[in-house]
Amino acid sequence: MVKVYAVARGFSLVELLVTIAIVAILAAIALPNFRSTISSTQVNSLATMLYRDLKLAQAEAIRRGKPIGVYANGGTASDWSGGWYVADPSGGGAIVNRDAPDPRYLVSANLAGSGTPPSAAAGSVVFQPMGNLVGAATQTFTACERSSSSSARQQILVRSSGGVLAFALQNAATSATGCGS
């Protein structure tokens, strides 16, 4: 009589535990980098949204032949974390209205010397029909994570000539803009 033995298939308990331990160690090493990537992506997305809305306001001012502004929701001059909207300062409703971003993120503004004609209220950037800013000063926005441990920061400059520039900040020392506090 011929004996037939069954061929064992699968993993032993020891092999399974070793594999799980290796995966756990790799995950523990990768997780901080993954959080940093998520934070950087969120900050970049927030800055890109503001950049596009600033460019939209400029384009609408040129197209309509009248001033168009970007205003902070809540009217604060330095903290735009409540969101913002693009509108005609003489009325007519919002062209675009952005709700407040995730509370973990901050958009701060340094709106130095925004002029008064025709309606450049505190917490606003107004473009004239030629595409340049109302007022003569460069306006600065900074988007960042509120956590002081995060180094993800994006800055947007709006020059008096109407040029809108966006770039990543490499230096974490931006406490003057409100980020990292």
Protein backbone atom coordinates (compact mmCIF):
# COMPACT_ATOMS: atom_id res chain seq x y z
CA MET A 1 0.00 0.00 0.00
CA VAL A 2 1.32 3.42 -0.97
CA LYS A 3 1.17 6.16 1.60
CA VAL A 4 0.16 9.60 0.38
CA TYR A 5 1.28 12.58 2.40
CA ALA A 6 -0.43 15.93 2.17
CA VAL A 7 1.83 18.80 1.17
CA ALA A 8 1.74 21.56 3.77
CA ARG A 9 0.87 25.00 2.43
CA GLY A 10 0.82 28.44 4.02
CA PHE A 11 2.91 30.25 6.57
CA SER A 12 3.88 29.21 10.02
CA LEU A 13 2.97 31.43 12.95
CA VAL A 14 6.60 32.47 13.41
CA GLU A 15 6.93 33.56 9.77
CA LEU A 16 3.73 35.57 10.03
CA LEU A 17 4.85 37.34 13.23
CA VAL A 18 8.26 38.19 11.76
CA THR A 19 6.59 39.67 8.67
CA ILE A 20 4.18 41.74 10.77
CA ALA A 21 7.07 43.03 12.90
CA ILE A 22 9.04 44.10 9.81
CA VAL A 23 6.00 45.89 8.35
CA ALA A 24 5.40 47.68 11.68
CA ILE A 25 9.02 48.87 11.83
CA LEU A 26 8.90 50.17 8.25
CA ALA A 27 5.59 51.95 8.93
CA ALA A 28 7.03 53.61 12.04
CA ILE A 29 9.94 54.92 9.99
CA ALA A 30 7.77 56.15 7.09
CA LEU A 31 4.90 57.74 9.05
CA PRO A 32 6.60 61.04 10.01
CA ASN A 33 7.64 61.62 6.41
CA PHE A 34 4.12 60.84 5.26
CA ARG A 35 2.63 63.39 7.69
CA SER A 36 5.10 65.98 6.43
CA THR A 37 4.08 65.26 2.85
CA ILE A 38 0.38 65.61 3.68
CA SER A 39 1.01 68.90 5.49
CA SER A 40 3.08 70.26 2.63
CA THR A 41 0.41 69.27 0.10
CA GLN A 42 -2.38 70.93 2.12
CA VAL A 43 -0.41 74.17 2.51
CA ASN A 44 0.43 74.17 -1.20
CA SER A 45 -3.23 73.62 -2.09
CA LEU A 46 -4.34 76.48 0.16
CA ALA A 47 -1.74 78.86 -1.28
CA THR A 48 -2.63 77.83 -4.84
CA MET A 49 -6.31 78.56 -4.18
CA LEU A 50 -5.50 82.06 -2.89
CA TYR A 51 -3.07 82.65 -5.78
CA ARG A 52 -5.75 81.70 -8.33
CA ASP A 53 -8.32 83.94 -6.66
CA LEU A 54 -5.89 86.88 -6.70
CA LYS A 55 -5.24 86.28 -10.41
CA LEU A 56 -9.01 85.99 -11.00
CA ALA A 57 -9.61 89.34 -9.30
CA GLN A 58 -6.91 90.93 -11.44
CA ALA A 59 -8.33 89.44 -14.65
CA GLU A 60 -11.88 90.49 -13.74
CA ALA A 61 -10.72 94.05 -12.99
CA ILE A 62 -9.13 94.24 -16.44
CA ARG A 63 -12.09 92.58 -18.17
CA ARG A 64 -14.78 94.68 -16.47
CA GLY A 65 -12.79 97.91 -16.51
CA LYS A 66 -13.41 98.61 -12.83
CA PRO A 67 -11.78 97.73 -9.51
CA ILE A 68 -12.18 94.17 -8.21
CA GLY A 69 -10.92 93.07 -4.81
CA VAL A 70 -10.13 90.03 -2.73
CA TYR A 71 -11.47 90.44 0.82
CA ALA A 72 -10.95 88.49 4.02
CA ASN A 73 -14.10 86.91 5.45
CA GLY A 74 -14.56 88.59 8.79
CA GLY A 75 -12.69 91.68 7.66
CA THR A 76 -9.46 91.07 9.55
CA ALA A 77 -6.41 92.57 7.93
CA SER A 78 -3.85 89.99 9.04
CA ASP A 79 -5.68 86.66 9.53
CA TRP A 80 -7.35 85.32 6.41
CA SER A 81 -7.98 81.88 7.93
CA GLY A 82 -11.72 82.60 7.94
CA GLY A 83 -11.70 82.39 4.16
CA TRP A 84 -11.95 85.11 1.53
CA TYR A 85 -14.04 86.25 -1.39
CA VAL A 86 -13.54 88.03 -4.71
CA ALA A 87 -15.99 90.88 -5.29
CA ASP A 88 -16.63 94.25 -6.87
CA PRO A 89 -16.13 96.85 -4.11
CA SER A 90 -19.01 98.93 -5.46
CA GLY A 91 -21.47 96.05 -4.97
CA GLY A 92 -22.88 93.28 -7.10
CA GLY A 93 -22.09 90.31 -4.88
CA ALA A 94 -19.20 87.93 -4.62
CA ILE A 95 -17.64 86.48 -7.76
CA VAL A 96 -15.99 83.69 -5.73
CA ASN A 97 -16.48 82.90 -2.04
CA ARG A 98 -13.97 80.62 -0.26
CA ASP A 99 -14.95 79.12 3.07
CA ALA A 100 -12.55 78.85 5.96
CA PRO A 101 -9.87 76.22 5.37
CA ASP A 102 -9.12 73.40 7.78
CA PRO A 103 -8.47 75.00 11.21
CA ARG A 104 -5.04 73.33 11.33
CA TYR A 105 -3.88 75.72 8.62
CA LEU A 106 -3.34 79.47 8.68
CA VAL A 107 -3.37 82.13 6.01
CA SER A 108 -1.84 85.35 7.27
CA ALA A 109 -1.49 88.63 5.42
CA ASN A 110 0.80 91.60 5.70
CA LEU A 111 -1.24 94.17 3.83
CA ALA A 112 0.99 97.16 4.31
CA GLY A 113 -0.32 100.47 3.11
CA SER A 114 -3.28 99.33 1.04
CA GLY A 115 -4.64 102.59 -0.23
CA THR A 116 -8.12 103.96 0.15
CA PRO A 117 -9.33 104.58 -3.42
CA PRO A 118 -11.88 103.29 -4.44
CA SER A 119 -12.52 100.86 -1.59
CA ALA A 120 -9.43 99.14 -0.26
CA ALA A 121 -10.65 98.33 3.23
CA ALA A 122 -8.55 96.59 5.84
CA GLY A 123 -8.23 92.94 4.95
CA SER A 124 -8.45 93.48 1.21
CA VAL A 125 -6.40 93.56 -1.96
CA VAL A 126 -8.01 95.60 -4.73
CA PHE A 127 -6.90 95.58 -8.37
CA GLN A 128 -7.47 98.59 -10.62
CA PRO A 129 -8.78 98.29 -14.21
CA MET A 130 -5.19 98.30 -15.54
CA GLY A 131 -4.35 95.24 -13.40
CA ASN A 132 -2.21 97.06 -10.86
CA LEU A 133 -2.94 97.33 -7.14
CA VAL A 134 -4.77 100.12 -5.39
CA GLY A 135 -2.00 101.52 -3.20
CA ALA A 136 1.72 101.44 -3.73
CA ALA A 137 2.93 98.70 -1.40
CA THR A 138 3.67 95.04 -2.08
CA GLN A 139 1.15 92.80 -0.30
CA THR A 140 2.33 89.54 1.28
CA PHE A 141 0.37 86.41 2.15
CA THR A 142 1.75 83.36 3.94
CA ALA A 143 0.04 79.96 4.14
CA CYS A 144 1.27 77.46 6.71
CA GLU A 145 0.28 74.83 9.23
CA ARG A 146 -0.44 76.25 12.68
CA SER A 147 1.81 73.62 14.27
CA SER A 148 5.20 75.07 15.09
CA SER A 149 6.83 71.76 14.18
CA SER A 150 5.76 71.99 10.54
CA SER A 151 8.09 73.59 8.05
CA ALA A 152 5.56 73.67 5.19
CA ARG A 153 5.09 77.31 4.19
CA GLN A 154 4.07 79.02 0.97
CA GLN A 155 4.24 82.74 0.34
CA ILE A 156 2.39 84.87 -2.19
CA LEU A 157 3.56 88.36 -3.10
CA VAL A 158 1.30 90.82 -4.89
CA ARG A 159 3.40 93.65 -6.27
CA SER A 160 1.99 97.14 -6.74
CA SER A 161 2.42 96.65 -10.51
CA GLY A 162 -0.02 93.72 -10.31
CA GLY A 163 2.48 90.88 -10.49
CA VAL A 164 1.40 87.91 -8.37
CA LEU A 165 4.21 85.55 -7.33
CA ALA A 166 3.98 82.34 -5.31
CA PHE A 167 6.86 80.36 -3.85
CA ALA A 168 7.75 77.95 -1.05
CA LEU A 169 9.55 79.34 1.98
CA GLN A 170 12.61 77.36 2.98
CA ASN A 171 13.27 79.12 6.28
CA ALA A 172 10.97 78.16 9.16
CA ALA A 173 11.50 81.53 10.89
CA THR A 174 8.37 83.32 9.69
CA SER A 175 6.82 84.23 13.03
CA ALA A 176 6.34 87.84 11.91
CA THR A 177 3.64 86.65 9.51
CA GLY A 178 1.84 84.67 12.20
CA CYS A 179 2.84 81.23 10.96
CA GLY A 180 4.37 78.81 13.39
CA SER A 181 2.82 80.42 16.44
